[in-house]
C-alpha atoms as a PDB file:
ATOM      1  CA  MET A   1     161.107 -89.535   6.566  1.00  0.00           C
ATOM      2  CA  LYS A   2     164.918 -88.820   7.280  1.00  0.00           C
ATOM      3  CA  LYS A   3     164.980 -85.855   4.691  1.00  0.00           C
ATOM      4  CA  ILE A   4     161.825 -84.490   6.199  1.00  0.00           C
ATOM      5  CA  ALA A   5     163.637 -84.609   9.814  1.00  0.00           C
ATOM      6  CA  LEU A   6     166.563 -83.328   8.342  1.00  0.00           C
ATOM      7  CA  LEU A   7     164.691 -80.336   6.790  1.00  0.00           C
ATOM      8  CA  LEU A   8     162.829 -79.682   9.970  1.00  0.00           C
ATOM      9  CA  PHE A   9     166.277 -79.783  11.796  1.00  0.00           C
ATOM     10  CA  VAL A  10     167.895 -77.374   9.607  1.00  0.00           C
ATOM     11  CA  ALA A  11     165.004 -74.942   9.287  1.00  0.00           C
ATOM     12  CA  GLY A  12     164.710 -74.866  13.412  1.00  0.00           C
ATOM     13  CA  LEU A  13     168.543 -74.351  13.445  1.00  0.00           C
ATOM     14  CA  THR A  14     168.184 -71.214  11.019  1.00  0.00           C
ATOM     15  CA  PHE A  15     165.123 -69.820  12.901  1.00  0.00           C
ATOM     16  CA  SER A  16     166.973 -70.065  16.347  1.00  0.00           C
ATOM     17  CA  CYS A  17     169.923 -68.466  14.926  1.00  0.00           C
ATOM     18  CA  THR A  18     167.805 -65.846  13.003  1.00  0.00           C
ATOM     19  CA  GLU A  19     165.951 -65.294  16.684  1.00  0.00           C
ATOM     20  CA  LYS A  20     169.064 -64.697  18.558  1.00  0.00           C
ATOM     21  CA  LYS A  21     170.323 -62.182  15.809  1.00  0.00           C
ATOM     22  CA  GLU A  22     167.309 -60.174  16.308  1.00  0.00           C
ATOM     23  CA  GLU A  23     167.286 -60.196  20.118  1.00  0.00           C
ATOM     24  CA  LYS A  24     170.884 -58.982  19.978  1.00  0.00           C
ATOM     25  CA  ALA A  25     170.134 -56.307  17.556  1.00  0.00           C
ATOM     26  CA  THR A  26     167.275 -55.233  19.740  1.00  0.00           C
ATOM     27  CA  GLU A  27     169.443 -55.299  23.130  1.00  0.00           C
ATOM     28  CA  GLU A  28     171.939 -52.898  21.074  1.00  0.00           C
ATOM     29  CA  VAL A  29     169.300 -50.312  20.133  1.00  0.00           C
ATOM     30  CA  ALA A  30     167.982 -50.614  24.085  1.00  0.00           C
ATOM     31  CA  THR A  31     171.501 -49.624  24.797  1.00  0.00           C
ATOM     32  CA  GLU A  32     171.849 -46.883  22.666  1.00  0.00           C
ATOM     33  CA  LYS A  33     168.595 -45.542  24.160  1.00  0.00           C
ATOM     34  CA  THR A  34     169.674 -45.658  27.610  1.00  0.00           C
ATOM     35  CA  THR A  35     173.171 -44.388  26.993  1.00  0.00           C
ATOM     36  CA  GLU A  36     173.560 -40.455  27.794  1.00  0.00           C
ATOM     37  CA  THR A  37     176.133 -38.085  27.660  1.00  0.00           C
ATOM     38  CA  THR A  38     177.360 -36.751  30.824  1.00  0.00           C
ATOM     39  CA  TYR A  39     179.007 -33.166  30.236  1.00  0.00           C
ATOM     40  CA  ASN A  40     181.652 -31.890  32.485  1.00  0.00           C
ATOM     41  CA  TYR A  41     183.972 -28.709  33.308  1.00  0.00           C
ATOM     42  CA  LYS A  42     187.475 -29.303  32.343  1.00  0.00           C
ATOM     43  CA  SER A  43     189.822 -26.356  33.229  1.00  0.00           C
ATOM     44  CA  ASP A  44     192.501 -27.321  30.912  1.00  0.00           C
ATOM     45  CA  GLN A  45     189.699 -27.232  28.103  1.00  0.00           C
ATOM     46  CA  THR A  46     188.619 -23.630  29.083  1.00  0.00           C
ATOM     47  CA  THR A  47     189.860 -20.499  28.105  1.00  0.00           C
ATOM     48  CA  LEU A  48     189.083 -16.992  29.247  1.00  0.00           C
ATOM     49  CA  THR A  49     189.629 -14.217  26.721  1.00  0.00           C
ATOM     50  CA  TRP A  50     189.485 -10.370  27.641  1.00  0.00           C
ATOM     51  CA  THR A  51     189.363  -7.491  25.091  1.00  0.00           C
ATOM     52  CA  ALA A  52     190.263  -3.998  25.576  1.00  0.00           C
ATOM     53  CA  TYR A  53     190.465  -1.489  23.167  1.00  0.00           C
ATOM     54  CA  LYS A  54     192.709   1.650  22.519  1.00  0.00           C
ATOM     55  CA  THR A  55     193.049   4.636  19.545  1.00  0.00           C
ATOM     56  CA  PRO A  56     190.218   6.176  18.203  1.00  0.00           C
ATOM     57  CA  GLN A  57     189.749   3.252  15.726  1.00  0.00           C
ATOM     58  CA  LYS A  58     189.200   1.142  18.597  1.00  0.00           C
ATOM     59  CA  VAL A  59     192.004  -1.348  17.980  1.00  0.00           C
ATOM     60  CA  GLY A  60     191.403  -4.372  20.454  1.00  0.00           C
ATOM     61  CA  VAL A  61     193.988  -5.515  22.628  1.00  0.00           C
ATOM     62  CA  SER A  62     193.564  -9.180  24.261  1.00  0.00           C
ATOM     63  CA  GLY A  63     194.777 -11.472  27.044  1.00  0.00           C
ATOM     64  CA  THR A  64     193.735 -13.556  29.613  1.00  0.00           C
ATOM     65  CA  PHE A  65     194.559 -14.377  33.202  1.00  0.00           C
ATOM     66  CA  ASP A  66     196.863 -17.107  34.498  1.00  0.00           C
ATOM     67  CA  THR A  67     195.276 -17.936  37.845  1.00  0.00           C
ATOM     68  CA  ILE A  68     191.380 -18.735  37.511  1.00  0.00           C
ATOM     69  CA  LYS A  69     189.756 -20.494  40.221  1.00  0.00           C
ATOM     70  CA  VAL A  70     186.493 -22.444  39.376  1.00  0.00           C
ATOM     71  CA  THR A  71     184.112 -24.274  42.095  1.00  0.00           C
ATOM     72  CA  GLY A  72     180.997 -25.224  42.381  1.00  0.00           C
ATOM     73  CA  ASN A  73     180.529 -26.877  38.799  1.00  0.00           C
ATOM     74  CA  LYS A  74     178.865 -30.403  38.255  1.00  0.00           C
ATOM     75  CA  ALA A  75     178.485 -33.196  36.015  1.00  0.00           C
ATOM     76  CA  SER A  76     175.403 -33.404  34.285  1.00  0.00           C
ATOM     77  CA  ASN A  77     173.240 -34.890  31.097  1.00  0.00           C
ATOM     78  CA  ASN A  78     172.449 -31.441  30.445  1.00  0.00           C
ATOM     79  CA  ALA A  79     175.539 -29.169  29.291  1.00  0.00           C
ATOM     80  CA  GLU A  80     173.554 -26.263  30.141  1.00  0.00           C
ATOM     81  CA  GLU A  81     173.796 -27.208  33.734  1.00  0.00           C
ATOM     82  CA  VAL A  82     177.200 -27.865  33.982  1.00  0.00           C
ATOM     83  CA  LEU A  83     178.372 -23.925  35.081  1.00  0.00           C
ATOM     84  CA  ALA A  84     174.967 -22.931  36.452  1.00  0.00           C
ATOM     85  CA  GLY A  85     175.403 -21.987  39.768  1.00  0.00           C
ATOM     86  CA  ALA A  86     179.392 -21.866  39.667  1.00  0.00           C
ATOM     87  CA  ALA A  87     181.730 -19.704  41.092  1.00  0.00           C
ATOM     88  CA  PHE A  88     184.819 -18.018  39.841  1.00  0.00           C
ATOM     89  CA  LYS A  89     187.803 -16.129  41.426  1.00  0.00           C
ATOM     90  CA  ILE A  90     190.293 -14.275  39.248  1.00  0.00           C
ATOM     91  CA  ASP A  91     193.745 -13.043  40.331  1.00  0.00           C
ATOM     92  CA  GLY A  92     193.989  -9.267  38.450  1.00  0.00           C
ATOM     93  CA  LEU A  93     197.762  -9.561  39.094  1.00  0.00           C
ATOM     94  CA  SER A  94     197.855 -12.761  36.849  1.00  0.00           C
ATOM     95  CA  VAL A  95     196.791 -10.662  33.562  1.00  0.00           C
ATOM     96  CA  ASN A  96     198.830 -12.152  30.471  1.00  0.00           C
ATOM     97  CA  SER A  97     198.534 -10.405  27.301  1.00  0.00           C
ATOM     98  CA  LYS A  98     201.647 -12.194  26.054  1.00  0.00           C
ATOM     99  CA  ASN A  99     203.150  -8.618  25.898  1.00  0.00           C
ATOM    100  CA  GLU A 100     206.372  -8.806  28.302  1.00  0.00           C
ATOM    101  CA  ILE A 101     206.181  -4.544  28.250  1.00  0.00           C
ATOM    102  CA  ARG A 102     202.388  -4.295  28.508  1.00  0.00           C
ATOM    103  CA  ASP A 103     201.320  -6.822  31.075  1.00  0.00           C
ATOM    104  CA  PRO A 104     203.803  -5.082  33.812  1.00  0.00           C
ATOM    105  CA  LYS A 105     202.285  -1.682  32.979  1.00  0.00           C
ATOM    106  CA  LEU A 106     198.607  -3.379  33.405  1.00  0.00           C
ATOM    107  CA  VAL A 107     199.496  -4.637  36.714  1.00  0.00           C
ATOM    108  CA  GLU A 108     201.157  -1.685  37.925  1.00  0.00           C
ATOM    109  CA  PHE A 109     198.450   1.028  36.835  1.00  0.00           C
ATOM    110  CA  PHE A 110     195.382  -0.527  36.385  1.00  0.00           C
ATOM    111  CA  PHE A 111     195.157  -4.050  38.866  1.00  0.00           C
ATOM    112  CA  LYS A 112     197.265  -2.146  41.773  1.00  0.00           C
ATOM    113  CA  ASN A 113     195.062   0.691  41.491  1.00  0.00           C
ATOM    114  CA  LEU A 114     191.837  -1.022  41.928  1.00  0.00           C
ATOM    115  CA  VAL A 115     190.261  -1.614  45.737  1.00  0.00           C
ATOM    116  CA  ASN A 116     190.896  -5.126  45.458  1.00  0.00           C
ATOM    117  CA  PRO A 117     192.952  -7.077  42.381  1.00  0.00           C
ATOM    118  CA  THR A 118     191.346 -10.042  42.932  1.00  0.00           C
ATOM    119  CA  PHE A 119     187.576 -10.282  41.615  1.00  0.00           C
ATOM    120  CA  ASN A 120     185.203 -12.903  41.490  1.00  0.00           C
ATOM    121  CA  GLY A 121     181.879 -14.118  40.508  1.00  0.00           C
ATOM    122  CA  GLU A 122     178.992 -16.677  40.044  1.00  0.00           C
ATOM    123  CA  PHE A 123     177.100 -17.760  37.031  1.00  0.00           C
ATOM    124  CA  GLY A 124     173.404 -17.799  37.272  1.00  0.00           C
ATOM    125  CA  THR A 125     170.920 -19.949  35.065  1.00  0.00           C
ATOM    126  CA  PHE A 126     171.698 -20.874  31.380  1.00  0.00           C
ATOM    127  CA  ASN A 127     168.248 -20.332  29.499  1.00  0.00           C
ATOM    128  CA  ASN A 128     167.590 -19.941  25.972  1.00  0.00           C
ATOM    129  CA  GLY A 129     171.064 -18.134  25.170  1.00  0.00           C
ATOM    130  CA  THR A 130     171.235 -15.922  27.893  1.00  0.00           C
ATOM    131  CA  VAL A 131     173.283 -16.242  31.664  1.00  0.00           C
ATOM    132  CA  ASP A 132     173.090 -13.603  34.238  1.00  0.00           C
ATOM    133  CA  VAL A 133     176.817 -13.388  35.766  1.00  0.00           C
ATOM    134  CA  THR A 134     177.071 -11.587  39.017  1.00  0.00           C
ATOM    135  CA  LEU A 135     180.647 -10.059  38.905  1.00  0.00           C
ATOM    136  CA  ASN A 136     182.262  -8.558  42.357  1.00  0.00           C
ATOM    137  CA  PHE A 137     184.934  -6.387  40.553  1.00  0.00           C
ATOM    138  CA  ASN A 138     186.757  -3.291  42.161  1.00  0.00           C
ATOM    139  CA  GLU A 139     184.548  -4.133  45.205  1.00  0.00           C
ATOM    140  CA  VAL A 140     181.209  -3.210  43.406  1.00  0.00           C
ATOM    141  CA  GLU A 141     178.814  -6.110  42.865  1.00  0.00           C
ATOM    142  CA  LYS A 142     176.583  -6.270  39.685  1.00  0.00           C
ATOM    143  CA  VAL A 143     174.740  -8.403  37.735  1.00  0.00           C
ATOM    144  CA  ILE A 144     175.386  -8.216  33.932  1.00  0.00           C
ATOM    145  CA  PRO A 145     173.658 -10.131  31.285  1.00  0.00           C
ATOM    146  CA  PHE A 146     175.795 -12.418  28.873  1.00  0.00           C
ATOM    147  CA  THR A 147     174.973 -14.631  26.015  1.00  0.00           C
ATOM    148  CA  TYR A 148     175.987 -18.175  24.961  1.00  0.00           C
ATOM    149  CA  THR A 149     175.742 -20.397  22.483  1.00  0.00           C
ATOM    150  CA  LEU A 150     176.118 -24.280  22.791  1.00  0.00           C
ATOM    151  CA  VAL A 151     177.380 -26.462  19.758  1.00  0.00           C
ATOM    152  CA  GLU A 152     177.682 -30.258  20.685  1.00  0.00           C
ATOM    153  CA  ASN A 153     179.935 -30.133  23.791  1.00  0.00           C
ATOM    154  CA  LYS A 154     181.533 -26.575  23.056  1.00  0.00           C
ATOM    155  CA  LEU A 155     179.686 -23.632  25.320  1.00  0.00           C
ATOM    156  CA  THR A 156     180.838 -20.026  24.445  1.00  0.00           C
ATOM    157  CA  ILE A 157     179.816 -17.425  26.661  1.00  0.00           C
ATOM    158  CA  ASN A 158     180.214 -13.574  25.519  1.00  0.00           C
ATOM    159  CA  GLY A 159     179.407 -10.493  27.347  1.00  0.00           C
ATOM    160  CA  THR A 160     180.704  -6.559  27.720  1.00  0.00           C
ATOM    161  CA  ILE A 161     181.417  -5.063  30.910  1.00  0.00           C
ATOM    162  CA  ASP A 162     182.491  -0.851  31.520  1.00  0.00           C
ATOM    163  CA  MET A 163     185.158  -0.269  33.795  1.00  0.00           C
ATOM    164  CA  ILE A 164     183.621   2.802  34.808  1.00  0.00           C
ATOM    165  CA  GLU A 165     179.795   2.765  34.469  1.00  0.00           C
ATOM    166  CA  ASP A 166     179.463  -0.411  36.076  1.00  0.00           C
ATOM    167  CA  PHE A 167     182.271  -1.162  38.479  1.00  0.00           C
ATOM    168  CA  ASN A 168     183.380   2.676  39.060  1.00  0.00           C
ATOM    169  CA  ALA A 169     187.253   1.979  38.412  1.00  0.00           C
ATOM    170  CA  THR A 170     187.700   5.387  36.953  1.00  0.00           C
ATOM    171  CA  LYS A 171     191.108   5.502  39.394  1.00  0.00           C
ATOM    172  CA  SER A 172     192.528   2.580  37.536  1.00  0.00           C
ATOM    173  CA  PHE A 173     191.213   3.768  33.987  1.00  0.00           C
ATOM    174  CA  ASP A 174     192.986   6.898  34.433  1.00  0.00           C
ATOM    175  CA  ALA A 175     196.145   5.668  35.365  1.00  0.00           C
ATOM    176  CA  ILE A 176     196.555   3.127  32.651  1.00  0.00           C
ATOM    177  CA  HIS A 177     195.327   5.694  30.140  1.00  0.00           C
ATOM    178  CA  GLU A 178     197.809   8.279  31.392  1.00  0.00           C
ATOM    179  CA  ALA A 179     200.711   5.478  30.991  1.00  0.00           C
ATOM    180  CA  CYS A 180     199.886   4.493  27.541  1.00  0.00           C
ATOM    181  CA  LYS A 181     197.974   7.543  26.170  1.00  0.00           C
ATOM    182  CA  GLU A 182     200.808   8.149  23.581  1.00  0.00           C
ATOM    183  CA  LEU A 183     200.604   4.582  22.681  1.00  0.00           C
ATOM    184  CA  HIS A 184     196.885   4.685  22.468  1.00  0.00           C
ATOM    185  CA  ASN A 185     196.674   7.972  20.447  1.00  0.00           C
ATOM    186  CA  GLY A 186     194.853   9.649  23.187  1.00  0.00           C
ATOM    187  CA  LYS A 187     191.914   7.373  23.413  1.00  0.00           C
ATOM    188  CA  THR A 188     191.470   4.384  25.662  1.00  0.00           C
ATOM    189  CA  TRP A 189     188.097   2.774  25.998  1.00  0.00           C
ATOM    190  CA  PRO A 190     186.438   1.847  28.906  1.00  0.00           C
ATOM    191  CA  ASP A 191     184.563  -1.068  27.714  1.00  0.00           C
ATOM    192  CA  VAL A 192     185.908  -4.679  27.826  1.00  0.00           C
ATOM    193  CA  ALA A 193     184.482  -7.539  25.809  1.00  0.00           C
ATOM    194  CA  ILE A 194     184.654 -11.298  27.753  1.00  0.00           C
ATOM    195  CA  GLU A 195     184.764 -14.543  26.271  1.00  0.00           C
ATOM    196  CA  VAL A 196     184.561 -17.954  27.810  1.00  0.00           C
ATOM    197  CA  VAL A 197     185.062 -20.871  25.611  1.00  0.00           C
ATOM    198  CA  ALA A 198     184.467 -24.295  27.417  1.00  0.00           C
ATOM    199  CA  GLN A 199     184.775 -27.637  25.981  1.00  0.00           C
ATOM    200  CA  LEU A 200     182.494 -29.675  28.410  1.00  0.00           C
END
């Protein structure tokens, strides 16, 4: 009789321990399901790169701006919503191509010949790999379609603008072309590629 009672006690204890483990495992699974990733804009993990072109072979020259301000961004469980509706403001005089000879020329001949060297814009809705960017450059406002890719938490946005056709920056274009004509082998291109990479 004592042996039977002992066996029942051991069986009950084993069942009880197993039940607690199962409950704990269920709780862990439930926690995993309810935990969602929150994406945020991080200025120190975001880069903007412009690429202009020179020479008949269309050699690219790249750079960025040291003064970029982004407002209206938001935290979201959907990475595509973080920059949707966000506005940006860029000081063209802070241009930085990492070339001590080129940058002063860009400031003097290009950006200072714009109606306003500071330009701004706003991101539209990110949808199916396309986002419309409203850009106010040289006091001309235009909506430019950009493309984007989103891989895990890395958002890459790409687009191209034409300084003359899109923003009537003929004065600035002609000035930088003449200043760099020899270095550019007589050819300066009006299109500029823009890439923004943000780790959200």
